[in-house]
């Protein structure tokens, strides 16, 4: 788990209409249920109802997408793609500060 991820989700969820958008590998038949169980365990009941699994992230709508890779449509997202782990957004503290300034 990446340092600060859970705390950052909770902070951002208090200030934004936050969803979890992830891809579930087709080759792993339990990946979707594993992701759902992880979200429920670590982020709670509210977050489990905000989990979206898609291989086409560019088809979703929103102001911001935080994703570490351009794959599955992340780089074509219609809002602003925040590339987590990049030199501009190296960690959750930087991401949260950036987003809170735009609130």
C-alpha atoms as a PDB file:
ATOM      1  CA  UNK A   1       0.000   0.000   0.000  1.00  0.00           C
ATOM      2  CA  UNK A   2       1.296   3.492  -0.841  1.00  0.00           C
ATOM      3  CA  UNK A   3       1.958   5.768   2.135  1.00  0.00           C
ATOM      4  CA  UNK A   4      -0.828   8.259   2.683  1.00  0.00           C
ATOM      5  CA  UNK A   5      -3.290   6.698   0.224  1.00  0.00           C
ATOM      6  CA  UNK A   6      -6.060   5.861   2.691  1.00  0.00           C
ATOM      7  CA  UNK A   7      -5.775   9.124   4.597  1.00  0.00           C
ATOM      8  CA  UNK A   8      -5.749  11.056   1.338  1.00  0.00           C
ATOM      9  CA  UNK A   9      -8.874   9.317   0.072  1.00  0.00           C
ATOM     10  CA  UNK A  10     -10.671  10.168   3.309  1.00  0.00           C
ATOM     11  CA  UNK A  11      -9.561  13.818   3.141  1.00  0.00           C
ATOM     12  CA  UNK A  12     -10.509  14.193  -0.509  1.00  0.00           C
ATOM     13  CA  UNK A  13     -13.847  12.442   0.064  1.00  0.00           C
ATOM     14  CA  UNK A  14     -14.787  15.062   2.639  1.00  0.00           C
ATOM     15  CA  UNK A  15     -14.112  17.834   0.122  1.00  0.00           C
ATOM     16  CA  UNK A  16     -14.972  16.324  -3.282  1.00  0.00           C
ATOM     17  CA  UNK A  17     -17.464  13.912  -4.837  1.00  0.00           C
ATOM     18  CA  UNK A  18     -14.885  11.113  -4.903  1.00  0.00           C
ATOM     19  CA  UNK A  19     -15.032   7.769  -6.722  1.00  0.00           C
ATOM     20  CA  UNK A  20     -12.524   4.964  -7.136  1.00  0.00           C
ATOM     21  CA  UNK A  21     -11.941   4.119 -10.791  1.00  0.00           C
ATOM     22  CA  UNK A  22      -9.870   1.018 -11.371  1.00  0.00           C
ATOM     23  CA  UNK A  23      -9.239  -1.651 -13.968  1.00  0.00           C
ATOM     24  CA  UNK A  24      -9.782  -5.320 -13.234  1.00  0.00           C
ATOM     25  CA  UNK A  25      -7.532  -7.685 -15.222  1.00  0.00           C
ATOM     26  CA  UNK A  26      -9.542 -10.061 -17.409  1.00  0.00           C
ATOM     27  CA  UNK A  27      -7.096 -12.911 -16.771  1.00  0.00           C
ATOM     28  CA  UNK A  28      -7.724 -12.869 -13.012  1.00  0.00           C
ATOM     29  CA  UNK A  29     -11.241 -14.125 -12.279  1.00  0.00           C
ATOM     30  CA  UNK A  30     -11.185 -12.878  -8.652  1.00  0.00           C
ATOM     31  CA  UNK A  31      -9.652  -9.446  -9.291  1.00  0.00           C
ATOM     32  CA  UNK A  32     -12.952  -7.542  -9.253  1.00  0.00           C
ATOM     33  CA  UNK A  33     -14.177  -9.135  -6.026  1.00  0.00           C
ATOM     34  CA  UNK A  34     -10.703  -8.743  -4.477  1.00  0.00           C
ATOM     35  CA  UNK A  35     -10.734  -5.012  -5.254  1.00  0.00           C
ATOM     36  CA  UNK A  36     -14.244  -4.659  -3.867  1.00  0.00           C
ATOM     37  CA  UNK A  37     -13.237  -6.455  -0.636  1.00  0.00           C
ATOM     38  CA  UNK A  38     -10.104  -4.274  -0.268  1.00  0.00           C
ATOM     39  CA  UNK A  39     -12.078  -1.062  -0.711  1.00  0.00           C
ATOM     40  CA  UNK A  40     -14.727  -2.173   1.778  1.00  0.00           C
ATOM     41  CA  UNK A  41     -12.097  -3.218   4.337  1.00  0.00           C
ATOM     42  CA  UNK A  42      -9.819  -0.175   4.074  1.00  0.00           C
ATOM     43  CA  UNK A  43     -12.154   2.623   2.993  1.00  0.00           C
ATOM     44  CA  UNK A  44     -15.520   1.563   4.411  1.00  0.00           C
ATOM     45  CA  UNK A  45     -19.086   1.072   3.308  1.00  0.00           C
ATOM     46  CA  UNK A  46     -19.475   4.451   1.620  1.00  0.00           C
ATOM     47  CA  UNK A  47     -16.462   3.877  -0.631  1.00  0.00           C
ATOM     48  CA  UNK A  48     -17.576   0.410  -1.722  1.00  0.00           C
ATOM     49  CA  UNK A  49     -20.577   2.030  -3.387  1.00  0.00           C
ATOM     50  CA  UNK A  50     -18.209   4.374  -5.220  1.00  0.00           C
ATOM     51  CA  UNK A  51     -16.005   1.743  -6.850  1.00  0.00           C
ATOM     52  CA  UNK A  52     -16.111   1.747 -10.659  1.00  0.00           C
ATOM     53  CA  UNK A  53     -14.245  -0.920 -12.625  1.00  0.00           C
ATOM     54  CA  UNK A  54     -13.569  -0.103 -16.265  1.00  0.00           C
ATOM     55  CA  UNK A  55     -11.011  -0.669 -18.981  1.00  0.00           C
ATOM     56  CA  UNK A  56     -12.110   2.651 -20.539  1.00  0.00           C
ATOM     57  CA  UNK A  57     -11.349   5.375 -18.007  1.00  0.00           C
ATOM     58  CA  UNK A  58     -11.733   8.088 -20.654  1.00  0.00           C
ATOM     59  CA  UNK A  59     -15.466   7.330 -20.835  1.00  0.00           C
ATOM     60  CA  UNK A  60     -16.033   8.513 -17.264  1.00  0.00           C
ATOM     61  CA  UNK A  61     -16.738  12.147 -16.429  1.00  0.00           C
ATOM     62  CA  UNK A  62     -15.163  14.243 -13.727  1.00  0.00           C
ATOM     63  CA  UNK A  63     -12.903  17.140 -12.963  1.00  0.00           C
ATOM     64  CA  UNK A  64      -9.839  15.128 -11.921  1.00  0.00           C
ATOM     65  CA  UNK A  65      -8.491  11.613 -12.368  1.00  0.00           C
ATOM     66  CA  UNK A  66      -5.572  10.482 -10.228  1.00  0.00           C
ATOM     67  CA  UNK A  67      -3.787   7.582 -11.904  1.00  0.00           C
ATOM     68  CA  UNK A  68      -0.179   6.461 -12.098  1.00  0.00           C
ATOM     69  CA  UNK A  69      -0.272   5.247 -15.695  1.00  0.00           C
ATOM     70  CA  UNK A  70      -1.715   6.545 -18.979  1.00  0.00           C
ATOM     71  CA  UNK A  71      -3.184   3.112 -19.734  1.00  0.00           C
ATOM     72  CA  UNK A  72      -6.854   2.226 -20.195  1.00  0.00           C
ATOM     73  CA  UNK A  73      -7.809   5.722 -21.272  1.00  0.00           C
ATOM     74  CA  UNK A  74      -6.409   7.614 -18.253  1.00  0.00           C
ATOM     75  CA  UNK A  75      -4.347   9.954 -20.441  1.00  0.00           C
ATOM     76  CA  UNK A  76      -7.444  10.703 -22.585  1.00  0.00           C
ATOM     77  CA  UNK A  77      -9.634  11.540 -19.567  1.00  0.00           C
ATOM     78  CA  UNK A  78     -11.754  14.624 -20.342  1.00  0.00           C
ATOM     79  CA  UNK A  79     -10.951  16.349 -17.029  1.00  0.00           C
ATOM     80  CA  UNK A  80      -7.457  16.841 -15.644  1.00  0.00           C
ATOM     81  CA  UNK A  81      -5.338  13.696 -15.377  1.00  0.00           C
ATOM     82  CA  UNK A  82      -3.061  13.855 -12.336  1.00  0.00           C
ATOM     83  CA  UNK A  83      -0.265  11.379 -12.959  1.00  0.00           C
ATOM     84  CA  UNK A  84       0.543  10.026  -9.523  1.00  0.00           C
ATOM     85  CA  UNK A  85       4.244   9.286  -9.035  1.00  0.00           C
ATOM     86  CA  UNK A  86       5.338  11.772 -11.704  1.00  0.00           C
ATOM     87  CA  UNK A  87       7.783  14.566 -10.946  1.00  0.00           C
ATOM     88  CA  UNK A  88       4.865  17.016 -10.651  1.00  0.00           C
ATOM     89  CA  UNK A  89       2.818  14.700  -8.367  1.00  0.00           C
ATOM     90  CA  UNK A  90       5.339  12.444  -6.598  1.00  0.00           C
ATOM     91  CA  UNK A  91       3.213  11.572  -3.541  1.00  0.00           C
ATOM     92  CA  UNK A  92      -0.192  11.923  -1.899  1.00  0.00           C
ATOM     93  CA  UNK A  93       0.728  15.029   0.067  1.00  0.00           C
ATOM     94  CA  UNK A  94       1.485  16.942  -3.138  1.00  0.00           C
ATOM     95  CA  UNK A  95      -1.684  15.613  -4.817  1.00  0.00           C
ATOM     96  CA  UNK A  96      -3.892  16.604  -1.868  1.00  0.00           C
ATOM     97  CA  UNK A  97      -2.348  20.068  -1.601  1.00  0.00           C
ATOM     98  CA  UNK A  98      -2.864  20.610  -5.340  1.00  0.00           C
ATOM     99  CA  UNK A  99      -6.503  19.540  -5.233  1.00  0.00           C
ATOM    100  CA  UNK A 100      -7.362  21.422  -2.040  1.00  0.00           C
ATOM    101  CA  UNK A 101      -6.074  24.615  -3.681  1.00  0.00           C
ATOM    102  CA  UNK A 102      -8.638  24.076  -6.453  1.00  0.00           C
ATOM    103  CA  UNK A 103     -11.587  23.422  -4.171  1.00  0.00           C
END
